[in-house]
Amino acid sequence: MSALTFGAGIWAFGQIVDRYATDGYGPSRTMREMLDLAAEVDGLECLDINVPFAEGITKASELAGELSRRGLRARAITPHIYTREFVRGAFTNPDPGVRRQAMERVHEAVAVAREVGADYVKFWPGQDGFDMPGQADYARLWDLTVSAIGELASAHPDVQFAIEYKAKEPRVRITLADAARTLLAIEEAGQPNVGIVMDFGHSLLAGETPAEAVQLVHRRGRLVSVELNDNWRGWDDDLPVASVHLFETIEYLLAVRRIGWTAPVLLDQFPFREDPVRALSQSIRTIRALEQVCDRIDLDELRAVQERQDALGAQEILWSAIGMARAT
């Protein structure tokens, strides 16, 4: 039996903007207001927090105190290297000055992570890529990406870094688009303190099987964080857990058990039209319910049908664990 713990991205509690509702979904909130909402989610223990901070907090020491007062902690620090100033790329920007600015932003995030005791610093290079055929020198983009990762990791050998890959958005094509490509970049960077954030929804978007991808990343010794959410595979919808892909989520939870995962599972959700406390609370309840489903699965029986590649037998086992009676 597993007993997972939970965290979330702080952005779930802020005002969310897209290209249509440019005035935002929901009210604008200060950092303290976002932390207040996070503290209302039953079972939520830690947060992934952006640098620079949201309005109202300017120093890492302030953040540490506010987290402590609410019974929360920082799981990760994510530097904003995908905002307007990096519209043509962060690590791959054509302007060397902007590339240096991106590196400095990461150094700033490292300092914050040290002060608040975060477990890792996350790279999400969402603007590093291209939009149209012929636009980019792909080899040059790759070289700049690998070089920046290697330089930053070697500058802070005591800090764990983690890359969250994604196929698209905001860039039409992002360079670090999937698990295998990201593993290749990490291997070329040659630093032991770089790993991967395994986001379930990003894996779906990349056309992967998340349970397979998380085990691949773990096999290479590069799994730093596990995240859950859901989408329709065409876009990074960041919906509540198992709202679309029930069986894939169960399979992912089984894979997380198989590799012996004990760190928090983070919820990366964007509740555009839903109350964020309710949306994240529902995800935690769903995961706990699916953990009970996993408890009811006879793993020896499942392995036996997998050994035979008996697809229908596997489906029967899963449905039975969910609570559907098997036909006799």
Protein backbone atom coordinates (compact mmCIF):
# COMPACT_ATOMS: atom_id res chain seq x y z
CA MET A 1 0.00 0.00 0.00
CA SER A 2 1.30 3.45 -0.95
CA ALA A 3 0.86 6.67 0.99
CA LEU A 4 1.58 9.48 -1.42
CA THR A 5 2.07 13.09 -0.35
CA PHE A 6 1.11 16.07 -2.46
CA GLY A 7 2.26 19.43 -3.70
CA ALA A 8 1.18 21.88 -6.41
CA GLY A 9 2.34 24.68 -8.62
CA ILE A 10 1.59 28.03 -6.97
CA TRP A 11 0.18 29.25 -10.30
CA ALA A 12 -2.95 27.16 -9.76
CA PHE A 13 -4.05 29.72 -7.16
CA GLY A 14 -3.32 32.85 -9.19
CA GLN A 15 -5.08 34.69 -11.96
CA ILE A 16 -4.88 32.72 -15.21
CA VAL A 17 -4.67 34.48 -18.57
CA ASP A 18 -4.95 33.15 -22.11
CA ARG A 19 -4.91 34.84 -25.52
CA TYR A 20 -8.68 35.43 -25.45
CA ALA A 21 -9.45 36.44 -21.87
CA THR A 22 -6.48 38.76 -21.64
CA ASP A 23 -8.08 40.37 -18.59
CA GLY A 24 -7.74 37.06 -16.81
CA TYR A 25 -9.89 34.30 -15.39
CA GLY A 26 -10.72 35.04 -11.78
CA PRO A 27 -9.40 37.86 -9.62
CA SER A 28 -5.82 39.01 -9.44
CA ARG A 29 -4.18 37.69 -6.26
CA THR A 30 -1.11 38.59 -4.26
CA MET A 31 1.43 35.98 -3.25
CA ARG A 32 0.05 35.83 0.28
CA GLU A 33 -3.48 35.33 -1.04
CA MET A 34 -2.26 32.49 -3.24
CA LEU A 35 -0.52 30.90 -0.26
CA ASP A 36 -3.71 31.24 1.81
CA LEU A 37 -5.64 29.29 -0.83
CA ALA A 38 -2.94 26.62 -1.06
CA ALA A 39 -3.15 26.14 2.70
CA GLU A 40 -6.88 25.42 2.37
CA VAL A 41 -6.28 22.32 0.22
CA ASP A 42 -6.47 19.28 2.47
CA GLY A 43 -3.35 17.16 2.06
CA LEU A 44 -1.29 19.76 0.21
CA GLU A 45 2.17 19.99 1.78
CA CYS A 46 4.48 21.77 -0.64
CA LEU A 47 4.64 24.14 -3.60
CA ASP A 48 6.54 24.81 -6.80
CA ILE A 49 7.09 28.59 -6.71
CA ASN A 50 8.05 30.96 -9.51
CA VAL A 51 10.86 33.51 -9.44
CA PRO A 52 10.34 36.46 -9.57
CA PHE A 53 7.63 36.10 -6.94
CA ALA A 54 4.06 37.23 -7.38
CA GLU A 55 3.08 40.63 -5.96
CA GLY A 56 3.44 41.18 -2.23
CA ILE A 57 6.64 39.27 -1.47
CA THR A 58 10.05 40.37 -2.64
CA LYS A 59 12.54 38.44 -0.50
CA ALA A 60 13.19 34.73 -0.07
CA SER A 61 13.29 35.20 3.70
CA GLU A 62 9.75 36.61 3.58
CA LEU A 63 8.60 33.65 1.51
CA ALA A 64 10.15 31.17 3.91
CA GLY A 65 8.29 32.73 6.82
CA GLU A 66 4.97 32.85 5.01
CA LEU A 67 5.28 29.20 3.99
CA SER A 68 6.16 28.12 7.51
CA ARG A 69 3.23 29.99 9.04
CA ARG A 70 0.84 28.08 6.77
CA GLY A 71 2.40 24.66 7.31
CA LEU A 72 3.76 24.56 3.76
CA ARG A 73 7.24 24.22 2.26
CA ALA A 74 8.92 24.83 -1.09
CA ARG A 75 9.34 21.71 -3.19
CA ALA A 76 10.75 23.52 -6.22
CA ILE A 77 11.70 26.94 -7.53
CA THR A 78 10.91 27.67 -11.18
CA PRO A 79 12.50 30.73 -12.78
CA HIS A 80 10.41 32.67 -15.29
CA ILE A 81 12.46 32.05 -18.44
CA TYR A 82 9.43 31.94 -20.72
CA THR A 83 7.86 35.38 -20.27
CA ARG A 84 7.77 38.37 -22.64
CA GLU A 85 11.47 39.22 -22.46
CA PHE A 86 12.25 35.69 -23.70
CA VAL A 87 9.75 35.67 -26.57
CA ARG A 88 12.47 34.53 -29.02
CA GLY A 89 13.96 32.07 -26.58
CA ALA A 90 15.77 31.99 -23.26
CA PHE A 91 18.78 29.69 -23.62
CA THR A 92 18.45 29.85 -27.43
CA ASN A 93 17.65 33.52 -27.95
CA PRO A 94 19.47 35.06 -30.94
CA ASP A 95 20.62 37.92 -28.66
CA PRO A 96 23.54 36.89 -26.42
CA GLY A 97 22.46 39.55 -23.92
CA VAL A 98 19.04 37.93 -23.51
CA ARG A 99 20.68 34.52 -23.15
CA ARG A 100 22.79 35.96 -20.32
CA GLN A 101 19.62 37.42 -18.77
CA ALA A 102 18.07 33.94 -18.77
CA MET A 103 21.14 32.50 -17.08
CA GLU A 104 21.02 35.22 -14.44
CA ARG A 105 17.35 34.46 -13.80
CA VAL A 106 18.31 30.85 -13.09
CA HIS A 107 21.14 31.94 -10.77
CA GLU A 108 18.56 34.06 -8.92
CA ALA A 109 16.29 31.02 -8.61
CA VAL A 110 19.17 28.97 -7.22
CA ALA A 111 19.77 31.56 -4.49
CA VAL A 112 16.07 31.46 -3.56
CA ALA A 113 16.02 27.67 -3.57
CA ARG A 114 18.95 27.57 -1.17
CA GLU A 115 17.36 30.08 1.21
CA VAL A 116 13.93 28.44 1.35
CA GLY A 117 15.24 24.86 1.29
CA ALA A 118 13.64 23.79 -1.99
CA ASP A 119 14.48 20.33 -3.31
CA TYR A 120 15.27 21.40 -6.87
CA VAL A 121 15.32 24.21 -9.42
CA LYS A 122 13.20 23.57 -12.50
CA PHE A 123 13.94 24.49 -16.09
CA TRP A 124 10.85 24.94 -18.22
CA PRO A 125 12.28 26.41 -21.45
CA GLY A 126 8.91 26.93 -23.10
CA GLN A 127 10.15 29.64 -25.48
CA ASP A 128 13.17 27.65 -26.66
CA GLY A 129 12.18 26.23 -30.01
CA PHE A 130 10.68 27.48 -33.27
CA ASP A 131 7.40 28.17 -35.04
CA MET A 132 7.75 27.62 -38.80
CA PRO A 133 9.80 25.52 -41.23
CA GLY A 134 13.10 27.10 -42.20
CA GLN A 135 13.11 29.46 -39.23
CA ALA A 136 15.65 27.69 -37.07
CA ASP A 137 19.09 26.13 -37.28
CA TYR A 138 18.08 23.04 -35.30
CA ALA A 139 21.64 22.01 -34.49
CA ARG A 140 22.38 25.50 -33.19
CA LEU A 141 19.28 25.46 -30.97
CA TRP A 142 20.34 22.09 -29.59
CA ASP A 143 23.91 23.23 -28.93
CA LEU A 144 22.77 26.37 -27.12
CA THR A 145 20.28 24.40 -25.01
CA VAL A 146 22.78 21.73 -23.97
CA SER A 147 25.51 24.28 -23.32
CA ALA A 148 23.30 26.40 -21.05
CA ILE A 149 22.11 23.41 -19.05
CA GLY A 150 25.63 22.14 -18.61
CA GLU A 151 26.99 25.54 -17.63
CA LEU A 152 24.29 26.19 -15.04
CA ALA A 153 24.51 22.73 -13.51
CA SER A 154 28.30 22.86 -13.27
CA ALA A 155 28.12 26.32 -11.66
CA HIS A 156 25.96 24.91 -8.84
CA PRO A 157 27.05 21.28 -8.31
CA ASP A 158 25.25 21.15 -4.94
CA VAL A 159 21.87 22.04 -6.47
CA GLN A 160 19.51 19.59 -8.15
CA PHE A 161 18.10 20.81 -11.47
CA ALA A 162 15.18 19.29 -13.34
CA ILE A 163 13.87 19.86 -16.87
CA GLU A 164 10.15 19.76 -17.54
CA TYR A 165 9.78 18.81 -21.18
CA LYS A 166 6.81 19.77 -23.33
CA ALA A 167 5.98 19.41 -27.02
CA LYS A 168 4.50 22.86 -27.64
CA GLU A 169 3.15 26.07 -26.09
CA PRO A 170 4.09 28.83 -25.95
CA ARG A 171 6.47 27.93 -28.80
CA VAL A 172 4.82 26.01 -31.63
CA ARG A 173 7.64 23.46 -31.40
CA ILE A 174 9.72 23.25 -28.22
CA THR A 175 13.24 21.84 -28.48
CA LEU A 176 12.98 19.64 -25.38
CA ALA A 177 9.71 18.06 -26.45
CA ASP A 178 9.70 14.56 -24.99
CA ALA A 179 11.38 12.22 -22.52
CA ALA A 180 13.89 10.61 -24.88
CA ARG A 181 15.05 13.91 -26.38
CA THR A 182 15.44 15.43 -22.91
CA LEU A 183 17.44 12.43 -21.72
CA LEU A 184 19.74 12.89 -24.71
CA ALA A 185 20.26 16.56 -23.87
CA ILE A 186 21.04 15.72 -20.24
CA GLU A 187 23.51 13.05 -21.33
CA GLU A 188 25.27 15.53 -23.61
CA ALA A 189 25.33 18.18 -20.88
CA GLY A 190 27.32 15.70 -18.82
CA GLN A 191 26.30 16.86 -15.34
CA PRO A 192 25.06 14.47 -12.64
CA ASN A 193 22.76 17.04 -10.99
CA VAL A 194 20.29 17.41 -13.88
CA GLY A 195 17.14 15.32 -14.16
CA ILE A 196 13.57 15.39 -15.40
CA VAL A 197 10.19 16.52 -14.09
CA MET A 198 7.81 13.83 -15.32
CA ASP A 199 4.57 15.68 -16.05
CA PHE A 200 1.74 13.25 -16.90
CA GLY A 201 -0.05 15.73 -19.17
CA HIS A 202 3.10 16.72 -21.05
CA SER A 203 3.78 13.05 -21.67
CA LEU A 204 0.28 12.65 -23.13
CA LEU A 205 0.83 15.72 -25.29
CA ALA A 206 4.11 14.27 -26.56
CA GLY A 207 2.30 11.14 -27.74
CA GLU A 208 3.94 9.01 -25.06
CA THR A 209 2.53 6.44 -22.68
CA PRO A 210 3.19 8.17 -19.33
CA ALA A 211 3.68 4.93 -17.36
CA GLU A 212 6.31 3.83 -19.87
CA ALA A 213 8.03 7.23 -19.97
CA VAL A 214 8.31 7.60 -16.18
CA GLN A 215 9.96 4.18 -15.94
CA LEU A 216 12.35 5.05 -18.78
CA VAL A 217 13.42 8.25 -17.03
CA HIS A 218 13.81 6.39 -13.73
CA ARG A 219 15.82 3.67 -15.46
CA ARG A 220 18.33 6.31 -16.54
CA GLY A 221 18.56 7.65 -12.98
CA ARG A 222 17.13 11.04 -13.96
CA LEU A 223 13.71 11.17 -12.31
CA VAL A 224 13.53 14.20 -10.01
CA SER A 225 9.80 14.93 -9.77
CA VAL A 226 6.45 13.34 -10.64
CA GLU A 227 3.47 15.50 -11.63
CA LEU A 228 -0.16 14.62 -12.27
CA ASN A 229 -2.98 16.33 -14.18
CA ASP A 230 -4.87 15.44 -17.36
CA ASN A 231 -5.67 16.68 -20.86
CA TRP A 232 -7.28 15.63 -24.14
CA ARG A 233 -3.82 15.03 -25.75
CA GLY A 234 -4.24 17.89 -28.23
CA TRP A 235 -3.33 20.66 -25.78
CA ASP A 236 -1.85 21.06 -22.31
CA ASP A 237 -5.24 21.54 -20.66
CA ASP A 238 -3.97 20.88 -17.10
CA LEU A 239 -7.28 19.38 -15.99
CA PRO A 240 -7.95 17.61 -12.68
CA VAL A 241 -6.39 14.18 -12.28
CA ALA A 242 -8.08 11.32 -14.20
CA SER A 243 -10.78 13.60 -15.59
CA VAL A 244 -10.09 12.16 -19.06
CA HIS A 245 -7.54 9.32 -18.88
CA LEU A 246 -8.65 6.99 -16.09
CA PHE A 247 -6.80 3.81 -17.05
CA GLU A 248 -3.64 5.69 -18.02
CA THR A 249 -3.66 7.38 -14.60
CA ILE A 250 -4.03 4.05 -12.81
CA GLU A 251 -1.19 2.63 -14.89
CA TYR A 252 0.95 5.67 -14.06
CA LEU A 253 0.29 5.25 -10.33
CA LEU A 254 1.24 1.59 -10.60
CA ALA A 255 4.48 2.60 -12.33
CA VAL A 256 5.22 5.16 -9.62
CA ARG A 257 4.78 2.39 -7.04
CA ARG A 258 6.95 0.01 -9.03
CA ILE A 259 9.91 2.39 -9.00
CA GLY A 260 9.50 3.03 -5.27
CA TRP A 261 8.61 6.72 -5.50
CA THR A 262 8.42 8.36 -2.04
CA ALA A 263 8.71 12.09 -2.80
CA PRO A 264 5.61 14.28 -3.22
CA VAL A 265 3.43 14.07 -6.31
CA LEU A 266 2.84 17.57 -7.64
CA LEU A 267 -0.41 18.76 -9.17
CA ASP A 268 0.20 20.96 -12.20
CA GLN A 269 -3.28 22.32 -12.86
CA PHE A 270 -4.75 25.47 -14.37
CA PRO A 271 -8.34 25.75 -13.10
CA PHE A 272 -9.44 28.46 -15.52
CA ARG A 273 -13.13 28.32 -14.65
CA GLU A 274 -13.10 26.30 -11.44
CA ASP A 275 -12.40 27.20 -7.86
CA PRO A 276 -8.71 26.29 -7.36
CA VAL A 277 -9.12 24.91 -3.84
CA ARG A 278 -11.97 22.68 -4.98
CA ALA A 279 -10.16 21.58 -8.14
CA LEU A 280 -6.95 20.57 -6.39
CA SER A 281 -8.80 19.01 -3.47
CA GLN A 282 -10.71 16.88 -5.95
CA SER A 283 -7.48 15.74 -7.56
CA ILE A 284 -6.05 14.65 -4.23
CA ARG A 285 -9.24 12.76 -3.39
CA THR A 286 -9.14 11.12 -6.82
CA ILE A 287 -5.54 10.01 -6.40
CA ARG A 288 -6.30 8.58 -2.98
CA ALA A 289 -9.27 6.69 -4.42
CA LEU A 290 -7.14 5.36 -7.27
CA GLU A 291 -4.49 4.33 -4.77
CA GLN A 292 -7.16 2.08 -3.27
CA VAL A 293 -7.85 0.74 -6.75
CA CYS A 294 -4.13 -0.04 -7.08
CA ASP A 295 -4.22 -1.82 -3.71
CA ARG A 296 -6.89 -4.16 -5.08
CA ILE A 297 -4.87 -5.16 -8.14
CA ASP A 298 -3.19 -8.55 -7.85
CA LEU A 299 0.22 -7.66 -9.26
CA ASP A 300 1.20 -11.28 -9.82
CA GLU A 301 -1.98 -11.80 -11.83
CA LEU A 302 -1.34 -8.58 -13.77
CA ARG A 303 2.24 -9.59 -14.54
CA ALA A 304 1.02 -12.97 -15.74
CA VAL A 305 -1.38 -11.44 -18.28
CA GLN A 306 1.30 -8.94 -19.31
CA GLU A 307 3.73 -11.80 -19.88
CA ARG A 308 1.19 -13.25 -22.30
CA GLN A 309 0.39 -9.78 -23.68
CA ASP A 310 -3.24 -10.58 -22.90
CA ALA A 311 -4.81 -7.15 -23.42
CA LEU A 312 -8.34 -8.22 -22.56
CA GLY A 313 -7.16 -10.00 -19.45
CA ALA A 314 -5.42 -6.84 -18.28
CA GLN A 315 -8.58 -4.83 -18.89
CA GLU A 316 -10.59 -7.29 -16.82
CA ILE A 317 -8.15 -6.93 -13.93
CA LEU A 318 -8.32 -3.13 -14.04
CA TRP A 319 -12.12 -3.02 -14.26
CA SER A 320 -12.40 -5.50 -11.42
CA ALA A 321 -10.14 -3.36 -9.23
CA ILE A 322 -12.22 -0.28 -10.03
CA GLY A 323 -15.27 -2.17 -8.79
CA MET A 324 -16.89 -3.61 -11.88
CA ALA A 325 -17.81 -7.28 -11.45
CA ARG A 326 -16.11 -9.63 -13.87
CA ALA A 327 -18.35 -11.58 -16.19
CA THR A 328 -18.57 -15.26 -15.23
